[in-house]
Each structure stands twice: as C-alpha cells, then as structure tokens.
Protein backbone atom coordinates (compact mmCIF):
# COMPACT_ATOMS: atom_id res chain seq x y z
CA MET A 1 -32.53 17.39 -60.56
CA PRO A 2 -29.29 15.35 -60.20
CA LYS A 3 -27.42 15.05 -63.48
CA THR A 4 -25.38 12.17 -64.89
CA ILE A 5 -22.47 12.42 -67.31
CA PHE A 6 -22.26 9.35 -69.53
CA VAL A 7 -18.71 8.48 -70.62
CA ILE A 8 -18.94 6.06 -73.54
CA ASN A 9 -16.17 3.74 -74.72
CA PRO A 10 -16.91 3.21 -78.44
CA ASN A 11 -14.94 -0.04 -78.55
CA SER A 12 -16.07 -3.27 -76.93
CA SER A 13 -13.01 -3.75 -74.67
CA GLN A 14 -14.31 -3.62 -71.11
CA ALA A 15 -10.73 -3.40 -69.83
CA VAL A 16 -10.42 0.03 -71.50
CA THR A 17 -13.68 1.19 -69.89
CA ASP A 18 -12.55 -0.09 -66.49
CA ALA A 19 -9.20 1.72 -66.81
CA PHE A 20 -10.64 5.15 -67.55
CA ASP A 21 -13.53 4.66 -65.13
CA GLU A 22 -11.05 4.22 -62.27
CA ALA A 23 -9.18 7.33 -63.42
CA LEU A 24 -12.45 9.29 -63.23
CA ASN A 25 -12.91 8.57 -59.51
CA VAL A 26 -11.09 11.79 -58.64
CA LEU A 27 -13.85 13.70 -60.45
CA ARG A 28 -16.68 12.02 -58.54
CA ILE A 29 -17.19 14.74 -55.96
CA PRO A 30 -19.99 15.54 -53.49
CA GLY A 31 -22.49 17.89 -55.07
CA GLY A 32 -21.21 17.20 -58.56
CA PRO A 33 -22.91 15.23 -61.32
CA ALA A 34 -22.74 11.44 -61.31
CA ILE A 35 -20.33 9.88 -63.80
CA GLU A 36 -21.34 6.60 -65.47
CA SER A 37 -18.97 4.76 -67.80
CA LEU A 38 -20.47 2.64 -70.58
CA THR A 39 -19.09 0.26 -73.20
CA LEU A 40 -20.49 0.14 -76.74
CA ALA A 41 -21.15 -3.57 -77.22
CA GLU A 42 -21.34 -3.20 -81.01
CA GLY A 43 -17.86 -1.68 -81.24
CA PRO A 44 -14.68 -3.46 -82.35
CA PRO A 45 -12.10 -4.52 -79.74
CA GLY A 46 -10.17 -1.35 -80.58
CA ILE A 47 -10.80 1.61 -82.87
CA GLN A 48 -7.66 1.55 -84.95
CA SER A 49 -8.71 2.60 -88.46
CA GLN A 50 -10.96 5.07 -90.23
CA MET A 51 -13.28 2.18 -91.04
CA ASP A 52 -13.63 1.47 -87.32
CA VAL A 53 -14.50 5.13 -86.77
CA GLU A 54 -17.19 5.08 -89.44
CA ASN A 55 -18.66 1.77 -88.25
CA VAL A 56 -19.30 2.93 -84.68
CA THR A 57 -20.86 6.28 -85.59
CA LEU A 58 -24.48 5.16 -86.00
CA PRO A 59 -24.39 2.79 -82.98
CA LEU A 60 -23.10 5.69 -80.89
CA VAL A 61 -25.90 7.93 -82.15
CA LYS A 62 -28.49 5.29 -81.32
CA LEU A 63 -27.04 4.73 -77.84
CA VAL A 64 -27.11 8.43 -77.02
CA GLN A 65 -30.65 8.77 -78.34
CA SER A 66 -31.74 5.86 -76.15
CA LEU A 67 -30.05 7.40 -73.09
CA ASP A 68 -31.76 10.73 -73.83
CA ALA A 69 -35.10 8.97 -74.11
CA LYS A 70 -34.55 7.05 -70.86
CA HIS A 71 -33.08 9.79 -68.69
CA GLY A 72 -34.40 13.02 -70.21
CA ASP A 73 -33.06 16.12 -68.45
CA ALA A 74 -31.15 13.94 -65.98
CA ALA A 75 -28.64 13.19 -68.75
CA GLY A 76 -26.26 16.11 -68.29
CA ALA A 77 -23.62 15.45 -70.95
CA TYR A 78 -21.95 12.77 -73.05
CA VAL A 79 -18.25 12.04 -73.46
CA VAL A 80 -16.99 9.98 -76.42
CA ALA A 81 -14.01 8.19 -74.88
CA CYS A 82 -11.85 7.35 -77.88
CA PHE A 83 -9.00 9.50 -79.15
CA SER A 84 -10.33 9.38 -82.72
CA ASP A 85 -13.48 11.21 -81.49
CA PRO A 86 -15.64 8.82 -83.56
CA GLY A 87 -19.12 10.04 -84.37
CA LEU A 88 -18.58 13.27 -82.45
CA HIS A 89 -20.39 15.59 -84.83
CA ALA A 90 -23.16 13.10 -85.64
CA VAL A 91 -23.85 12.59 -81.93
CA ARG A 92 -23.93 16.37 -81.43
CA GLU A 93 -26.65 16.53 -84.07
CA ALA A 94 -28.61 13.79 -82.27
CA THR A 95 -28.90 15.44 -78.84
CA SER A 96 -29.29 18.87 -77.30
CA LYS A 97 -26.93 17.90 -74.46
CA PRO A 98 -23.21 18.75 -74.50
CA VAL A 99 -21.13 16.12 -76.31
CA LEU A 100 -17.39 16.15 -75.77
CA GLY A 101 -14.68 14.16 -77.54
CA ILE A 102 -11.57 13.23 -75.60
CA SER A 103 -9.16 14.10 -78.42
CA GLU A 104 -10.56 17.60 -78.82
CA CYS A 105 -10.70 18.19 -75.06
CA GLY A 106 -7.34 16.58 -74.36
CA VAL A 107 -5.52 18.78 -76.86
CA LEU A 108 -7.36 21.93 -75.78
CA THR A 109 -6.40 21.20 -72.17
CA ALA A 110 -2.78 20.64 -73.21
CA LEU A 111 -2.70 24.08 -74.81
CA THR A 112 -3.20 25.55 -71.34
CA ARG A 113 -0.19 23.62 -69.99
CA GLY A 114 2.45 24.30 -72.64
CA HIS A 115 3.14 25.73 -76.07
CA ARG A 116 4.51 22.68 -77.90
CA VAL A 117 2.18 19.69 -77.58
CA GLY A 118 3.12 16.07 -78.27
CA VAL A 119 0.84 13.04 -78.52
CA ILE A 120 1.53 9.38 -77.79
CA ALA A 121 -0.50 7.22 -80.19
CA ILE A 122 -0.99 3.50 -79.95
CA LEU A 123 -0.19 2.72 -83.62
CA ARG A 124 1.65 4.48 -86.42
CA THR A 125 -1.47 4.10 -88.58
CA SER A 126 -3.39 6.23 -86.06
CA ILE A 127 -1.22 9.28 -86.66
CA PRO A 128 -2.65 10.41 -90.05
CA ARG A 129 -6.18 10.08 -88.63
CA HIS A 130 -5.28 12.18 -85.61
CA GLY A 131 -3.46 14.66 -87.83
CA ARG A 132 -6.63 15.30 -89.82
CA MET A 133 -8.43 16.21 -86.59
CA PHE A 134 -5.67 18.55 -85.44
CA GLY A 135 -5.66 20.17 -88.88
CA ALA A 136 -9.42 20.70 -88.74
CA MET A 137 -8.93 22.35 -85.35
CA GLY A 138 -6.26 24.65 -86.80
CA LEU A 139 -3.62 23.34 -84.39
CA THR A 140 -0.91 21.89 -86.59
CA GLU A 141 1.56 24.55 -85.40
CA ARG A 142 0.93 23.68 -81.74
CA VAL A 143 0.59 19.87 -81.91
CA VAL A 144 4.11 19.45 -83.19
CA ALA A 145 4.77 15.71 -82.93
CA GLU A 146 3.12 12.33 -82.40
CA VAL A 147 4.97 9.13 -81.52
CA PRO A 148 3.39 5.63 -81.62
CA LEU A 149 3.69 2.86 -79.05
CA GLY A 150 3.34 0.17 -81.70
CA MET A 151 0.68 -1.60 -79.62
CA ASN A 152 -2.95 -2.52 -80.21
CA VAL A 153 -5.64 -1.31 -77.80
CA THR A 154 -6.02 -4.84 -76.44
CA ASP A 155 -2.25 -4.96 -75.69
CA LEU A 156 -2.53 -2.15 -73.15
CA VAL A 157 -3.49 -4.64 -70.41
CA ASP A 158 0.24 -5.52 -70.28
CA THR A 159 1.36 -2.90 -67.76
CA ASP A 160 5.11 -3.46 -68.05
CA ARG A 161 5.12 -3.32 -71.85
CA THR A 162 2.80 -0.31 -71.90
CA ARG A 163 4.92 1.67 -69.44
CA ALA A 164 8.12 0.85 -71.29
CA GLY A 165 6.55 2.10 -74.51
CA LEU A 166 5.10 5.22 -72.88
CA LEU A 167 8.45 6.13 -71.36
CA ARG A 168 10.29 5.63 -74.67
CA ALA A 169 7.72 7.67 -76.60
CA GLY A 170 7.52 10.38 -73.95
CA GLN A 171 11.30 10.78 -73.80
CA GLN A 172 11.45 11.02 -77.60
CA LEU A 173 8.76 13.72 -77.61
CA ARG A 174 10.50 15.65 -74.81
CA ASP A 175 14.11 15.33 -75.93
CA THR A 176 13.89 15.18 -79.74
CA HIS A 177 10.79 17.26 -80.45
CA LEU A 178 11.19 19.57 -77.43
CA ILE A 179 7.53 19.35 -76.46
CA ASP A 180 6.25 20.99 -73.26
CA VAL A 181 3.25 18.75 -72.56
CA VAL A 182 2.23 15.20 -73.51
CA VAL A 183 -1.28 14.05 -74.38
CA LEU A 184 -2.06 10.33 -74.04
CA GLY A 185 -3.60 9.33 -77.37
CA CYS A 186 -5.87 6.51 -76.16
CA ALA A 187 -8.42 6.15 -73.36
CA GLY A 188 -6.81 2.85 -72.34
CA MET A 189 -3.67 4.59 -70.99
CA ALA A 190 -5.44 6.36 -68.12
CA ALA A 191 -3.84 4.38 -65.30
CA HIS A 192 -0.35 5.52 -66.35
CA ARG A 193 -0.76 9.30 -66.48
CA ALA A 194 0.61 10.21 -63.04
CA TRP A 195 3.48 7.72 -63.34
CA LEU A 196 4.53 9.03 -66.76
CA GLU A 197 4.34 12.65 -65.63
CA GLN A 198 6.66 11.83 -62.74
CA GLN A 199 9.08 10.03 -65.04
CA LEU A 200 9.21 12.79 -67.65
CA GLY A 201 9.06 15.84 -65.41
CA ILE A 202 6.57 17.61 -67.72
CA PRO A 203 2.75 17.73 -67.72
CA VAL A 204 0.86 14.71 -69.05
CA VAL A 205 -2.81 15.09 -69.99
CA GLU A 206 -5.19 12.12 -69.77
CA PRO A 207 -7.90 13.02 -72.32
CA THR A 208 -10.86 11.22 -70.75
CA GLN A 209 -10.23 13.06 -67.49
CA ALA A 210 -9.89 16.31 -69.45
CA ALA A 211 -13.16 15.81 -71.34
CA THR A 212 -15.09 14.69 -68.25
CA ALA A 213 -13.79 17.67 -66.27
CA MET A 214 -15.09 19.96 -69.03
CA ALA A 215 -18.40 18.09 -69.03
CA ILE A 216 -18.74 18.64 -65.28
CA GLY A 217 -18.23 22.37 -65.72
CA ARG A 218 -20.74 22.62 -68.52
CA THR A 219 -23.29 20.54 -66.61
CA LEU A 220 -23.01 22.66 -63.47
CA LEU A 221 -23.07 25.93 -65.40
CA GLY A 222 -25.82 24.88 -67.78
CA TRP A 223 -23.76 25.71 -70.88
C-alpha cells in the first residue's frame, strides 16, 4: 500500500509551509512515499514562546489522530515542522506511526557532519527553549552556540533581510564559535540552505529536510 508522510507546520503561516514544501521536492522520488505538507489552522502566526508550544500541543494531537483515522495504514509517518518540536512526545503517545521533530532530527543529522554544531535561531528568546531540548538530548557539549536573527517568523518572507541575517549569524558561528556545521533553527528558512552553505563553506542542515529524510527511511524499512 502506498504510504504518505505528513509534514505538519504547527503555526498558521502558509508562507512557512510553502517554503519547506518546496524544499522537500528533492525527496519526492519515484517509488518513495508521498510527502504532504499541512498547516495547523489553529496555530499562531509563529511559534515563538513556550506558551505557543503548549497551546498547539493538543491541536496537533487531534490533527494526527484525525489523519490516522482517515488514512489508516496509508499514513506512514508524521513530521512536526517547527524547531521547538512542539507536542512531539504527546503526538508520539497518540499514534503508533513514527513521529519526528525537526529540531531533534536536524541536530542529530548535524552530528554526522561535524563535531561542533551551531544553530541559527530566529529570536534571542528562542535560545533558552532550544537549550532545554539540547540538554534533554544530552548534547550541550556538541551544540556549542546559537545565534539569533532577531526576526519574527512572519518576517522571513523578506528574502534580502533574511539572507543578510543568516550570513551574519553564520559567519559569527563559524569564526567566533568555531563551529563545523550550521543547523537552521526554523522551518521557514528552508529556501536559503544551499545559498548559505555556499557562502559559509561549511555544511548547513535544513531540519525539515533532515526529519523528512529520516521519515522516508523509517517508512520504507518499516521501523
């Protein structure tokens, strides 16, 4: 039976969903599972606080339960496409299918590309929230620095401003913190990964691609 991987944007910004959906085209391959990107209508415009994380958890659970009920075994896996990994563990309790968070998968992928990992966040206030996740993963000695853009999720539609901020943050991570690999700390930055990697000369991981690639492997292998 053909499988579908559902990649869910927990905020209500369709522009973010469109950006990562385009970046997932490279993973839409003959013989592989279908990839469908969804937007959580109940979500805020951007998930930028712990309160935002908590508020989208139950709507995410309900959405996944409804997709399970509708698609049954044809639902191969779910990807939570927000770097805060909101509702990740609650959604895992709600379904028997694989559920992957882009923060977890993005950082784990980065560990295979370099020893010292750096993250580009959107806001300074995001950094403590991300740090708690990295601490829970036991990775505080490998994720050595995080630099903010100082932009809201909705600001990422401004390509020139976003790229200027990404380059500044990436250069700071590379030159000041001596990181080996950059992780983009928001699903809305997907369109800039290849450009930033070329500018910096070091690997750049786009976390929604990383999580979806893992979901494809688990779907095909039945893990």
